[in-house]
């Protein structure tokens, strides 16, 4: 009986051993078939159009590179003062303040500034008018998102602009701006049209 058990165990060991070898063999065969299929797929004429394009591009003749432009030599200039003006003197002669004609126009700096004088004139928008008992007010929208009511005689803009006339389409103003040539002041008429 012991002999029978030994023979059965050796048979079962051989069966396990042969099963394991068969499994390794099958796995190895599958691996060889997969690798050979992969190599066959890459070596075909699948990329023949790409190879032809590369060969065609290599066969083209290269265009010649244009030569660099000629650099002109620097011509030095020697300044001779004989009949030329002084290069460091102003081109336009300055008018001396003693010779300048002063018409006495100056802004009233003692006047209390109005709310719209803190904004540049081009930042203000004329949005409409109001009229009551013959008095016309203009409605001005300022950059601080506030709508102000003004009338003739009020001031607006940063150049001492005084309102001269209000119509349905525009506000006429007179600004007092610096006159750079004489150091004085001058009037400048301007207007703001209604915003649409």
N, C-alpha and C. Protein backbone atom coordinates (compact mmCIF):
# COMPACT_ATOMS: atom_id res chain seq x y z
N UNK A 1 0.81 -1.17 0.00
CA UNK A 1 0.00 0.00 0.00
C UNK A 1 0.86 1.24 0.00
N UNK A 2 1.94 1.17 0.73
CA UNK A 2 2.85 2.29 0.77
C UNK A 2 3.44 2.50 -0.61
N UNK A 3 3.70 1.45 -1.32
CA UNK A 3 4.24 1.58 -2.67
C UNK A 3 3.24 2.25 -3.59
N UNK A 4 1.98 1.94 -3.41
CA UNK A 4 0.96 2.54 -4.26
C UNK A 4 0.87 4.05 -4.01
N UNK A 5 0.99 4.43 -2.74
CA UNK A 5 0.90 5.85 -2.39
C UNK A 5 2.09 6.58 -3.00
N UNK A 6 3.29 5.96 -2.94
CA UNK A 6 4.48 6.59 -3.50
C UNK A 6 4.34 6.75 -5.01
N UNK A 7 3.79 5.73 -5.66
CA UNK A 7 3.67 5.82 -7.11
C UNK A 7 2.63 6.86 -7.50
N UNK A 8 1.56 6.97 -6.71
CA UNK A 8 0.55 7.97 -7.02
C UNK A 8 1.10 9.38 -6.80
N UNK A 9 1.91 9.56 -5.74
CA UNK A 9 2.46 10.88 -5.48
C UNK A 9 3.48 11.25 -6.54
N UNK A 10 4.27 10.27 -7.01
CA UNK A 10 5.23 10.59 -8.06
C UNK A 10 4.51 10.93 -9.35
N UNK A 11 3.36 10.29 -9.60
CA UNK A 11 2.58 10.60 -10.80
C UNK A 11 2.01 12.01 -10.71
N UNK A 12 1.52 12.32 -9.53
CA UNK A 12 0.95 13.65 -9.38
C UNK A 12 2.03 14.72 -9.47
N UNK A 13 3.25 14.43 -9.00
CA UNK A 13 4.36 15.37 -9.12
C UNK A 13 4.75 15.52 -10.57
N UNK A 14 4.79 14.43 -11.32
CA UNK A 14 5.12 14.52 -12.74
C UNK A 14 4.08 15.33 -13.49
N UNK A 15 2.82 15.13 -13.11
CA UNK A 15 1.74 15.87 -13.78
C UNK A 15 1.86 17.36 -13.51
N UNK A 16 2.18 17.72 -12.28
CA UNK A 16 2.35 19.14 -11.93
C UNK A 16 3.55 19.72 -12.66
N UNK A 17 4.62 18.90 -12.73
CA UNK A 17 5.83 19.36 -13.41
C UNK A 17 5.58 19.54 -14.89
N UNK A 18 4.88 18.62 -15.51
CA UNK A 18 4.60 18.72 -16.93
C UNK A 18 3.62 19.85 -17.22
N UNK A 19 2.69 20.07 -16.29
CA UNK A 19 1.75 21.17 -16.47
C UNK A 19 2.48 22.51 -16.40
N UNK A 20 3.41 22.68 -15.47
CA UNK A 20 4.18 23.89 -15.33
C UNK A 20 5.05 24.12 -16.55
N UNK A 21 5.70 23.07 -17.05
CA UNK A 21 6.52 23.21 -18.26
C UNK A 21 5.68 23.59 -19.45
N UNK A 22 4.51 23.04 -19.56
CA UNK A 22 3.61 23.35 -20.67
C UNK A 22 3.19 24.82 -20.59
N UNK A 23 2.95 25.28 -19.41
CA UNK A 23 2.53 26.67 -19.23
C UNK A 23 3.65 27.64 -19.63
N UNK A 24 4.91 27.31 -19.19
CA UNK A 24 6.05 28.15 -19.58
C UNK A 24 6.24 28.12 -21.09
N UNK A 25 6.04 26.99 -21.67
CA UNK A 25 6.20 26.83 -23.10
C UNK A 25 5.17 27.66 -23.85
N UNK A 26 3.93 27.62 -23.38
CA UNK A 26 2.87 28.38 -24.04
C UNK A 26 3.12 29.89 -23.91
N UNK A 27 3.55 30.31 -22.72
CA UNK A 27 3.84 31.73 -22.51
C UNK A 27 4.98 32.19 -23.40
N UNK A 28 6.01 31.40 -23.51
CA UNK A 28 7.15 31.73 -24.36
C UNK A 28 6.76 31.82 -25.82
N UNK A 29 5.92 30.89 -26.28
CA UNK A 29 5.47 30.90 -27.67
C UNK A 29 4.63 32.15 -27.95
N UNK A 30 3.76 32.46 -27.02
CA UNK A 30 2.93 33.65 -27.18
C UNK A 30 3.78 34.91 -27.25
N UNK A 31 4.82 34.97 -26.44
CA UNK A 31 5.73 36.12 -26.45
C UNK A 31 6.48 36.22 -27.78
N UNK A 32 6.95 35.11 -28.30
CA UNK A 32 7.68 35.10 -29.58
C UNK A 32 6.76 35.54 -30.71
N UNK A 33 5.52 35.07 -30.71
CA UNK A 33 4.56 35.43 -31.77
C UNK A 33 4.25 36.93 -31.70
N UNK A 34 4.05 37.46 -30.48
CA UNK A 34 3.73 38.89 -30.32
C UNK A 34 4.88 39.77 -30.79
N UNK A 35 6.11 39.43 -30.42
CA UNK A 35 7.27 40.22 -30.84
C UNK A 35 7.45 40.16 -32.34
N UNK A 36 7.27 38.99 -32.93
CA UNK A 36 7.44 38.88 -34.39
C UNK A 36 6.38 39.67 -35.14
N UNK A 37 5.13 39.68 -34.61
CA UNK A 37 4.07 40.47 -35.25
C UNK A 37 4.39 41.97 -35.14
N UNK A 38 4.89 42.38 -33.99
CA UNK A 38 5.23 43.79 -33.79
C UNK A 38 6.32 44.24 -34.75
N UNK A 39 7.34 43.41 -34.88
CA UNK A 39 8.45 43.75 -35.78
C UNK A 39 8.02 43.72 -37.23
N UNK A 40 7.14 42.84 -37.59
CA UNK A 40 6.64 42.77 -38.96
C UNK A 40 5.81 44.01 -39.28
N UNK A 41 5.01 44.48 -38.31
CA UNK A 41 4.17 45.66 -38.53
C UNK A 41 4.99 46.92 -38.72
N UNK A 42 6.14 47.04 -38.06
CA UNK A 42 6.96 48.24 -38.16
C UNK A 42 7.84 48.23 -39.40
N UNK A 43 8.10 47.07 -39.95
CA UNK A 43 9.05 47.03 -41.05
C UNK A 43 8.39 47.08 -42.42
N UNK A 44 7.08 47.19 -42.48
CA UNK A 44 6.41 47.20 -43.77
C UNK A 44 6.59 48.52 -44.49
N UNK A 45 5.89 48.67 -45.61
CA UNK A 45 5.97 49.90 -46.40
C UNK A 45 4.93 50.91 -45.94
N UNK A 46 4.68 50.87 -44.67
CA UNK A 46 3.69 51.75 -44.08
C UNK A 46 4.13 53.22 -44.14
N UNK A 47 5.42 53.49 -44.02
CA UNK A 47 5.95 54.85 -43.99
C UNK A 47 6.66 55.22 -45.28
N UNK A 48 6.30 54.58 -46.35
CA UNK A 48 7.01 54.84 -47.62
C UNK A 48 6.78 56.28 -48.09
N UNK A 49 5.58 56.85 -47.84
CA UNK A 49 5.33 58.24 -48.25
C UNK A 49 6.20 59.22 -47.46
N UNK A 50 6.44 58.92 -46.18
CA UNK A 50 7.29 59.77 -45.36
C UNK A 50 8.74 59.69 -45.82
N UNK A 51 9.18 58.49 -46.13
CA UNK A 51 10.55 58.31 -46.62
C UNK A 51 10.73 59.05 -47.95
N UNK A 52 9.72 58.97 -48.83
CA UNK A 52 9.79 59.65 -50.13
C UNK A 52 9.84 61.16 -49.94
N UNK A 53 9.06 61.71 -48.99
CA UNK A 53 9.06 63.15 -48.75
C UNK A 53 10.42 63.61 -48.23
N UNK A 54 11.00 62.85 -47.32
CA UNK A 54 12.31 63.22 -46.77
C UNK A 54 13.36 63.21 -47.88
N UNK A 55 13.33 62.19 -48.74
CA UNK A 55 14.30 62.12 -49.85
C UNK A 55 14.11 63.28 -50.82
N UNK A 56 12.85 63.62 -51.11
CA UNK A 56 12.56 64.74 -52.02
C UNK A 56 13.06 66.06 -51.44
N UNK A 57 12.84 66.25 -50.13
CA UNK A 57 13.29 67.47 -49.47
C UNK A 57 14.81 67.58 -49.45
N UNK A 58 15.49 66.45 -49.23
CA UNK A 58 16.95 66.46 -49.23
C UNK A 58 17.50 66.70 -50.62
N UNK A 59 16.75 66.31 -51.66
CA UNK A 59 17.22 66.47 -53.04
C UNK A 59 17.11 67.92 -53.53
N UNK A 60 16.28 68.72 -52.89
CA UNK A 60 16.13 70.12 -53.33
C UNK A 60 17.43 70.87 -53.11
N UNK A 61 17.69 71.79 -54.02
CA UNK A 61 18.88 72.61 -53.87
C UNK A 61 18.55 73.77 -52.92
N UNK A 62 19.48 74.05 -52.05
CA UNK A 62 19.28 75.15 -51.09
C UNK A 62 19.44 76.48 -51.81
N UNK A 63 18.57 77.43 -51.44
CA UNK A 63 18.69 78.77 -52.00
C UNK A 63 19.90 79.45 -51.39
N UNK A 64 20.57 80.25 -52.19
CA UNK A 64 21.74 80.94 -51.64
C UNK A 64 21.31 82.01 -50.62
N UNK A 65 22.10 82.16 -49.60
CA UNK A 65 21.82 83.18 -48.58
C UNK A 65 22.30 84.52 -49.12
N UNK A 66 21.41 85.54 -49.07
CA UNK A 66 21.82 86.84 -49.59
C UNK A 66 22.97 87.41 -48.76
N UNK A 67 23.86 88.13 -49.40
CA UNK A 67 25.00 88.68 -48.65
C UNK A 67 24.53 89.79 -47.70
N UNK A 68 25.31 90.02 -46.68
CA UNK A 68 25.01 91.09 -45.72
C UNK A 68 25.10 92.44 -46.41
N UNK A 69 24.25 93.39 -46.02
CA UNK A 69 24.33 94.71 -46.64
C UNK A 69 25.65 95.39 -46.28
N UNK A 70 26.07 96.24 -47.21
CA UNK A 70 27.32 96.96 -46.96
C UNK A 70 27.12 97.99 -45.86
N UNK A 71 28.04 98.06 -44.97
CA UNK A 71 27.99 99.04 -43.90
C UNK A 71 28.78 100.26 -44.37
N UNK A 72 28.06 101.38 -44.42
CA UNK A 72 28.72 102.60 -44.88
C UNK A 72 29.64 103.12 -43.79
N UNK A 73 30.78 103.55 -44.15
CA UNK A 73 31.70 104.08 -43.13
C UNK A 73 31.15 105.39 -42.57
N UNK A 74 31.44 105.62 -41.31
CA UNK A 74 30.97 106.81 -40.62
C UNK A 74 31.74 108.03 -41.12
N UNK A 75 30.99 109.05 -41.54
CA UNK A 75 31.61 110.31 -41.97
C UNK A 75 31.60 111.25 -40.77
N UNK A 76 32.74 111.56 -40.29
CA UNK A 76 32.80 112.49 -39.15
C UNK A 76 32.59 113.92 -39.64
N UNK A 77 32.05 114.74 -38.74
CA UNK A 77 31.76 116.12 -39.08
C UNK A 77 32.48 117.02 -38.09
N UNK A 78 33.19 117.93 -38.60
CA UNK A 78 33.90 118.88 -37.74
C UNK A 78 33.12 120.19 -37.78
N UNK A 79 32.68 120.61 -36.60
CA UNK A 79 31.88 121.83 -36.50
C UNK A 79 32.80 123.03 -36.50
N UNK A 80 32.56 123.91 -37.46
CA UNK A 80 33.32 125.17 -37.51
C UNK A 80 32.32 126.30 -37.28
N UNK A 81 32.60 127.11 -36.31
CA UNK A 81 31.65 128.11 -35.83
C UNK A 81 31.56 129.36 -36.70
N UNK A 82 32.32 129.47 -37.72
CA UNK A 82 32.44 130.73 -38.48
C UNK A 82 31.10 131.41 -38.76
N UNK A 83 30.23 130.79 -39.54
CA UNK A 83 28.98 131.45 -39.91
C UNK A 83 27.75 130.68 -39.45
N UNK A 84 27.92 129.84 -38.50
CA UNK A 84 26.80 129.02 -38.00
C UNK A 84 26.39 129.50 -36.62
N UNK A 85 25.17 129.15 -36.28
CA UNK A 85 24.66 129.55 -34.96
C UNK A 85 25.20 128.60 -33.90
N UNK A 86 25.14 129.04 -32.69
CA UNK A 86 25.59 128.24 -31.56
C UNK A 86 24.59 127.09 -31.34
N UNK A 87 25.04 125.83 -31.38
CA UNK A 87 24.09 124.71 -31.26
C UNK A 87 23.47 124.58 -29.87
N UNK A 88 24.03 125.25 -28.89
CA UNK A 88 23.50 125.15 -27.55
C UNK A 88 22.58 126.32 -27.18
N UNK A 89 22.45 127.29 -28.05
CA UNK A 89 21.56 128.42 -27.82
C UNK A 89 20.15 128.04 -28.28
N UNK A 90 19.10 128.55 -27.65
CA UNK A 90 17.73 128.22 -28.08
C UNK A 90 17.51 128.64 -29.53
N UNK A 91 16.76 127.81 -30.26
CA UNK A 91 16.50 128.10 -31.66
C UNK A 91 15.58 129.30 -31.83
N UNK A 92 14.55 129.35 -30.99
CA UNK A 92 13.64 130.50 -31.02
C UNK A 92 14.04 131.42 -29.88
N UNK A 93 14.22 132.65 -30.20
CA UNK A 93 14.63 133.60 -29.16
C UNK A 93 13.50 133.74 -28.13
N UNK A 94 13.90 133.69 -26.89
CA UNK A 94 12.91 133.83 -25.82
C UNK A 94 12.54 135.30 -25.68
N UNK A 95 11.27 135.52 -25.42
CA UNK A 95 10.79 136.89 -25.20
C UNK A 95 10.98 137.21 -23.72
N UNK A 96 11.70 138.23 -23.45
CA UNK A 96 11.93 138.59 -22.06
C UNK A 96 10.65 139.11 -21.43
N UNK A 97 10.49 138.77 -20.17
CA UNK A 97 9.25 139.14 -19.48
C UNK A 97 9.07 140.67 -19.41
N UNK A 98 10.21 141.42 -19.45
CA UNK A 98 10.07 142.88 -19.43
C UNK A 98 9.46 143.39 -20.72
N UNK A 99 9.76 142.71 -21.82
CA UNK A 99 9.25 143.15 -23.11
C UNK A 99 7.88 142.57 -23.41
N UNK A 100 7.47 141.58 -22.64
CA UNK A 100 6.19 140.92 -22.91
C UNK A 100 5.04 141.86 -22.60
N UNK A 101 4.02 141.76 -23.42
CA UNK A 101 2.85 142.58 -23.23
C UNK A 101 1.94 141.88 -22.23
N UNK A 102 1.68 142.49 -21.13
CA UNK A 102 0.83 141.89 -20.11
C UNK A 102 -0.49 142.61 -20.12
N UNK A 103 -1.57 141.86 -20.43
CA UNK A 103 -2.89 142.49 -20.49
C UNK A 103 -3.62 142.42 -19.15
N UNK A 104 -2.97 141.88 -18.13
CA UNK A 104 -3.55 141.88 -16.78
C UNK A 104 -4.52 140.75 -16.52
N UNK A 105 -4.72 139.83 -17.46
CA UNK A 105 -5.64 138.72 -17.26
C UNK A 105 -5.02 137.68 -16.33
N UNK A 106 -5.71 137.38 -15.24
CA UNK A 106 -5.27 136.34 -14.30
C UNK A 106 -6.50 135.64 -13.76
N UNK A 107 -6.38 134.36 -13.42
CA UNK A 107 -7.52 133.69 -12.80
C UNK A 107 -7.71 134.18 -11.37
N UNK A 108 -8.93 134.14 -10.91
CA UNK A 108 -9.24 134.56 -9.54
C UNK A 108 -8.93 133.39 -8.61
N UNK A 109 -7.75 133.42 -8.01
CA UNK A 109 -7.35 132.32 -7.15
C UNK A 109 -7.94 132.42 -5.74
N UNK A 110 -8.52 133.56 -5.42
CA UNK A 110 -9.15 133.73 -4.11
C UNK A 110 -10.59 133.22 -4.10
N UNK A 111 -11.14 132.96 -5.28
CA UNK A 111 -12.51 132.46 -5.39
C UNK A 111 -12.58 131.01 -4.89
N UNK A 112 -13.64 130.68 -4.17
CA UNK A 112 -13.81 129.30 -3.69
C UNK A 112 -14.06 128.40 -4.89
N UNK A 113 -13.28 127.32 -5.00
CA UNK A 113 -13.42 126.39 -6.13
C UNK A 113 -14.73 125.63 -6.02
N UNK A 114 -15.33 125.40 -7.20
CA UNK A 114 -16.57 124.63 -7.26
C UNK A 114 -16.24 123.16 -7.46
N UNK A 115 -17.24 122.30 -7.23
CA UNK A 115 -17.02 120.84 -7.24
C UNK A 115 -16.48 120.33 -8.59
N UNK A 116 -16.97 120.86 -9.69
CA UNK A 116 -16.55 120.37 -11.01
C UNK A 116 -15.19 120.88 -11.46
N UNK A 117 -14.56 121.75 -10.68
CA UNK A 117 -13.24 122.25 -11.04
C UNK A 117 -12.13 121.27 -10.67
N UNK A 118 -12.46 120.23 -9.95
CA UNK A 118 -11.43 119.25 -9.62
C UNK A 118 -11.25 118.21 -10.73
N UNK A 119 -12.10 118.23 -11.75
CA UNK A 119 -12.01 117.26 -12.85
C UNK A 119 -11.55 117.95 -14.13
N UNK A 120 -10.75 117.28 -14.95
CA UNK A 120 -10.41 117.84 -16.26
C UNK A 120 -11.69 117.97 -17.10
N UNK A 121 -11.72 118.95 -17.97
CA UNK A 121 -12.91 119.22 -18.76
C UNK A 121 -13.29 118.05 -19.66
N UNK A 122 -12.29 117.34 -20.20
CA UNK A 122 -12.59 116.25 -21.12
C UNK A 122 -13.14 115.00 -20.40
N UNK A 123 -13.12 114.99 -19.05
CA UNK A 123 -13.68 113.85 -18.32
C UNK A 123 -15.14 114.10 -17.93
N UNK A 124 -15.63 115.31 -18.15
CA UNK A 124 -17.01 115.65 -17.80
C UNK A 124 -17.92 115.43 -19.00
N UNK A 125 -19.16 114.95 -18.75
CA UNK A 125 -20.13 114.68 -19.82
C UNK A 125 -21.38 115.51 -19.61
N UNK A 126 -21.81 116.17 -20.68
CA UNK A 126 -23.04 116.95 -20.67
C UNK A 126 -24.17 115.99 -21.00
N UNK A 127 -25.10 115.75 -20.04
CA UNK A 127 -26.12 114.73 -20.24
C UNK A 127 -27.53 115.28 -20.42
N UNK A 128 -27.75 116.56 -20.16
CA UNK A 128 -29.09 117.09 -20.36
C UNK A 128 -29.27 118.46 -19.72
N UNK A 129 -30.53 118.98 -19.82
CA UNK A 129 -30.83 120.30 -19.26
C UNK A 129 -32.12 120.23 -18.43
N UNK A 130 -32.24 121.21 -17.55
CA UNK A 130 -33.47 121.44 -16.79
C UNK A 130 -33.81 122.92 -16.93
N UNK A 131 -35.10 123.23 -16.97
CA UNK A 131 -35.49 124.64 -17.06
C UNK A 131 -36.68 124.88 -16.14
N UNK A 132 -36.57 125.97 -15.36
CA UNK A 132 -37.66 126.33 -14.47
C UNK A 132 -37.70 127.85 -14.36
N UNK A 133 -38.85 128.42 -14.69
CA UNK A 133 -39.07 129.87 -14.64
C UNK A 133 -38.01 130.63 -15.43
N UNK A 134 -37.66 130.11 -16.59
CA UNK A 134 -36.71 130.79 -17.47
C UNK A 134 -35.25 130.56 -17.13
N UNK A 135 -34.94 129.87 -16.05
CA UNK A 135 -33.55 129.58 -15.68
C UNK A 135 -33.20 128.19 -16.19
N UNK A 136 -32.10 128.10 -16.96
CA UNK A 136 -31.67 126.83 -17.55
C UNK A 136 -30.47 126.31 -16.78
N UNK A 137 -30.55 125.04 -16.39
CA UNK A 137 -29.43 124.34 -15.74
C UNK A 137 -28.97 123.23 -16.66
N UNK A 138 -27.69 123.00 -16.69
CA UNK A 138 -27.13 121.87 -17.43
C UNK A 138 -26.82 120.77 -16.44
N UNK A 139 -27.03 119.52 -16.86
CA UNK A 139 -26.71 118.37 -16.03
C UNK A 139 -25.40 117.77 -16.51
N UNK A 140 -24.43 117.69 -15.59
CA UNK A 140 -23.08 117.23 -15.92
C UNK A 140 -22.78 115.96 -15.14
N UNK A 141 -22.36 114.91 -15.84
CA UNK A 141 -21.96 113.67 -15.19
C UNK A 141 -20.44 113.70 -15.01
N UNK A 142 -20.00 113.51 -13.78
CA UNK A 142 -18.57 113.58 -13.45
C UNK A 142 -18.00 112.17 -13.27
N UNK A 143 -16.67 112.04 -13.28
CA UNK A 143 -16.04 110.72 -13.08
C UNK A 143 -16.34 110.07 -11.73
N UNK A 144 -16.80 110.84 -10.75
CA UNK A 144 -17.15 110.24 -9.45
C UNK A 144 -18.57 109.68 -9.43
N UNK A 145 -19.17 109.51 -10.64
CA UNK A 145 -20.52 108.94 -10.82
C UNK A 145 -21.60 109.78 -10.16
N UNK A 146 -21.40 111.08 -10.14
CA UNK A 146 -22.38 112.01 -9.60
C UNK A 146 -22.82 112.93 -10.73
N UNK A 147 -24.11 113.27 -10.76
CA UNK A 147 -24.63 114.22 -11.75
C UNK A 147 -24.79 115.57 -11.05
N UNK A 148 -24.12 116.59 -11.60
CA UNK A 148 -24.15 117.94 -11.02
C UNK A 148 -25.03 118.85 -11.86
N UNK A 149 -25.63 119.86 -11.22
CA UNK A 149 -26.45 120.85 -11.90
C UNK A 149 -25.67 122.16 -11.91
N UNK A 150 -25.46 122.72 -13.13
CA UNK A 150 -24.72 123.99 -13.26
C UNK A 150 -25.53 124.97 -14.10
N UNK A 151 -25.19 126.24 -13.96
CA UNK A 151 -25.84 127.28 -14.77
C UNK A 151 -24.80 128.28 -15.23
N UNK A 152 -25.24 129.25 -16.03
CA UNK A 152 -24.32 130.27 -16.55
C UNK A 152 -23.66 130.99 -15.37
N UNK A 153 -22.32 131.13 -15.44
CA UNK A 153 -21.57 131.78 -14.37
C UNK A 153 -20.83 130.78 -13.48
N UNK A 154 -21.28 129.51 -13.47
CA UNK A 154 -20.56 128.50 -12.70
C UNK A 154 -19.25 128.16 -13.40
N UNK A 155 -18.37 127.51 -12.64
CA UNK A 155 -17.06 127.13 -13.18
C UNK A 155 -16.94 125.61 -13.21
N UNK A 156 -16.19 125.12 -14.20
CA UNK A 156 -15.95 123.68 -14.30
C UNK A 156 -14.66 123.44 -15.08
N UNK A 157 -14.02 122.31 -14.85
CA UNK A 157 -12.76 121.99 -15.52
C UNK A 157 -11.59 122.52 -14.71
N UNK A 158 -10.41 121.99 -14.98
CA UNK A 158 -9.24 122.35 -14.19
C UNK A 158 -8.54 123.62 -14.69
N UNK A 159 -9.04 124.24 -15.78
CA UNK A 159 -8.43 125.47 -16.31
C UNK A 159 -9.32 126.69 -16.08
N UNK A 160 -9.94 126.78 -14.92
CA UNK A 160 -10.75 127.94 -14.54
C UNK A 160 -11.85 128.23 -15.56
N UNK A 161 -12.48 127.17 -16.09
CA UNK A 161 -13.52 127.35 -17.11
C UNK A 161 -14.80 127.94 -16.56
N UNK A 162 -15.25 129.06 -17.16
CA UNK A 162 -16.48 129.72 -16.74
C UNK A 162 -17.55 129.49 -17.80
N UNK A 163 -18.74 129.07 -17.36
CA UNK A 163 -19.84 128.80 -18.30
C UNK A 163 -20.41 130.12 -18.78
N UNK A 164 -20.41 130.29 -20.13
CA UNK A 164 -20.93 131.52 -20.74
C UNK A 164 -22.35 131.35 -21.26
N UNK A 165 -22.66 130.14 -21.79
CA UNK A 165 -23.97 129.93 -22.41
C UNK A 165 -24.32 128.44 -22.35
N UNK A 166 -25.62 128.15 -22.16
CA UNK A 166 -26.09 126.76 -22.16
C UNK A 166 -27.20 126.64 -23.19
N UNK A 167 -27.04 125.72 -24.14
CA UNK A 167 -28.09 125.41 -25.10
C UNK A 167 -28.42 123.92 -24.96
N UNK A 168 -29.40 123.47 -25.74
CA UNK A 168 -29.77 122.06 -25.67
C UNK A 168 -28.66 121.14 -26.20
N UNK A 169 -27.76 121.66 -27.03
CA UNK A 169 -26.73 120.82 -27.65
C UNK A 169 -25.34 120.98 -27.06
N UNK A 170 -25.05 122.16 -26.48
CA UNK A 170 -23.70 122.34 -25.95
C UNK A 170 -23.64 123.40 -24.86
N UNK A 171 -22.52 123.35 -24.13
CA UNK A 171 -22.23 124.36 -23.11
C UNK A 171 -20.99 125.12 -23.58
N UNK A 172 -21.09 126.44 -23.71
CA UNK A 172 -19.96 127.27 -24.12
C UNK A 172 -19.24 127.76 -22.87
N UNK A 173 -17.90 127.64 -22.90
CA UNK A 173 -17.08 128.04 -21.76
C UNK A 173 -15.94 128.93 -22.20
N UNK A 174 -15.37 129.64 -21.23
CA UNK A 174 -14.14 130.40 -21.44
C UNK A 174 -13.16 129.93 -20.38
N UNK A 175 -12.02 129.36 -20.83
CA UNK A 175 -10.99 128.90 -19.90
C UNK A 175 -9.88 129.93 -19.85
N UNK A 176 -9.17 129.99 -18.75
CA UNK A 176 -7.99 130.85 -18.61
C UNK A 176 -6.80 129.91 -18.47
N UNK A 177 -5.94 129.94 -19.50
CA UNK A 177 -4.79 129.03 -19.51
C UNK A 177 -3.49 129.82 -19.53
N UNK A 178 -2.39 129.19 -19.08
CA UNK A 178 -1.10 129.91 -19.10
C UNK A 178 -0.63 130.16 -20.52
N UNK A 179 -0.06 131.32 -20.72
CA UNK A 179 0.55 131.67 -22.01
C UNK A 179 2.04 131.41 -21.84
N UNK A 180 2.52 130.32 -22.42
CA UNK A 180 3.90 129.89 -22.21
C UNK A 180 4.94 130.88 -22.68
N UNK A 181 4.64 131.67 -23.69
CA UNK A 181 5.64 132.58 -24.26
C UNK A 181 5.91 133.78 -23.35
N UNK A 182 4.88 134.32 -22.74
CA UNK A 182 5.06 135.54 -21.96
C UNK A 182 5.02 135.31 -20.45
N UNK A 183 4.62 134.14 -20.02
CA UNK A 183 4.50 133.89 -18.59
C UNK A 183 3.19 134.41 -18.02
N UNK A 184 2.31 134.92 -18.87
CA UNK A 184 1.02 135.43 -18.42
C UNK A 184 -0.09 134.42 -18.64
N UNK A 185 -1.31 134.96 -18.82
CA UNK A 185 -2.49 134.13 -19.01
C UNK A 185 -3.23 134.57 -20.25
N UNK A 186 -4.04 133.67 -20.82
CA UNK A 186 -4.86 134.04 -21.98
C UNK A 186 -6.18 133.29 -21.94
N UNK A 187 -7.19 133.86 -22.59
CA UNK A 187 -8.52 133.23 -22.70
C UNK A 187 -8.49 132.18 -23.79
N UNK A 188 -9.25 131.10 -23.57
CA UNK A 188 -9.42 130.09 -24.61
C UNK A 188 -10.90 129.67 -24.60
N UNK A 189 -11.61 129.96 -25.70
CA UNK A 189 -13.02 129.51 -25.76
C UNK A 189 -13.07 128.00 -26.03
N UNK A 190 -14.00 127.34 -25.38
CA UNK A 190 -14.18 125.89 -25.59
C UNK A 190 -15.65 125.56 -25.35
N UNK A 191 -16.02 124.31 -25.66
CA UNK A 191 -17.41 123.90 -25.49
C UNK A 191 -17.48 122.41 -25.19
N UNK A 192 -18.56 122.01 -24.53
CA UNK A 192 -18.84 120.59 -24.30
C UNK A 192 -20.15 120.27 -24.98
N UNK A 193 -20.11 119.28 -25.89
CA UNK A 193 -21.33 118.88 -26.59
C UNK A 193 -22.06 117.85 -25.76
N UNK A 194 -23.38 117.74 -26.00
CA UNK A 194 -24.18 116.79 -25.25
C UNK A 194 -23.79 115.35 -25.63
N UNK A 195 -23.77 114.48 -24.65
CA UNK A 195 -23.44 113.08 -24.89
C UNK A 195 -24.67 112.36 -25.38
N UNK A 196 -24.47 111.48 -26.35
CA UNK A 196 -25.60 110.72 -26.89
C UNK A 196 -25.58 109.30 -26.44
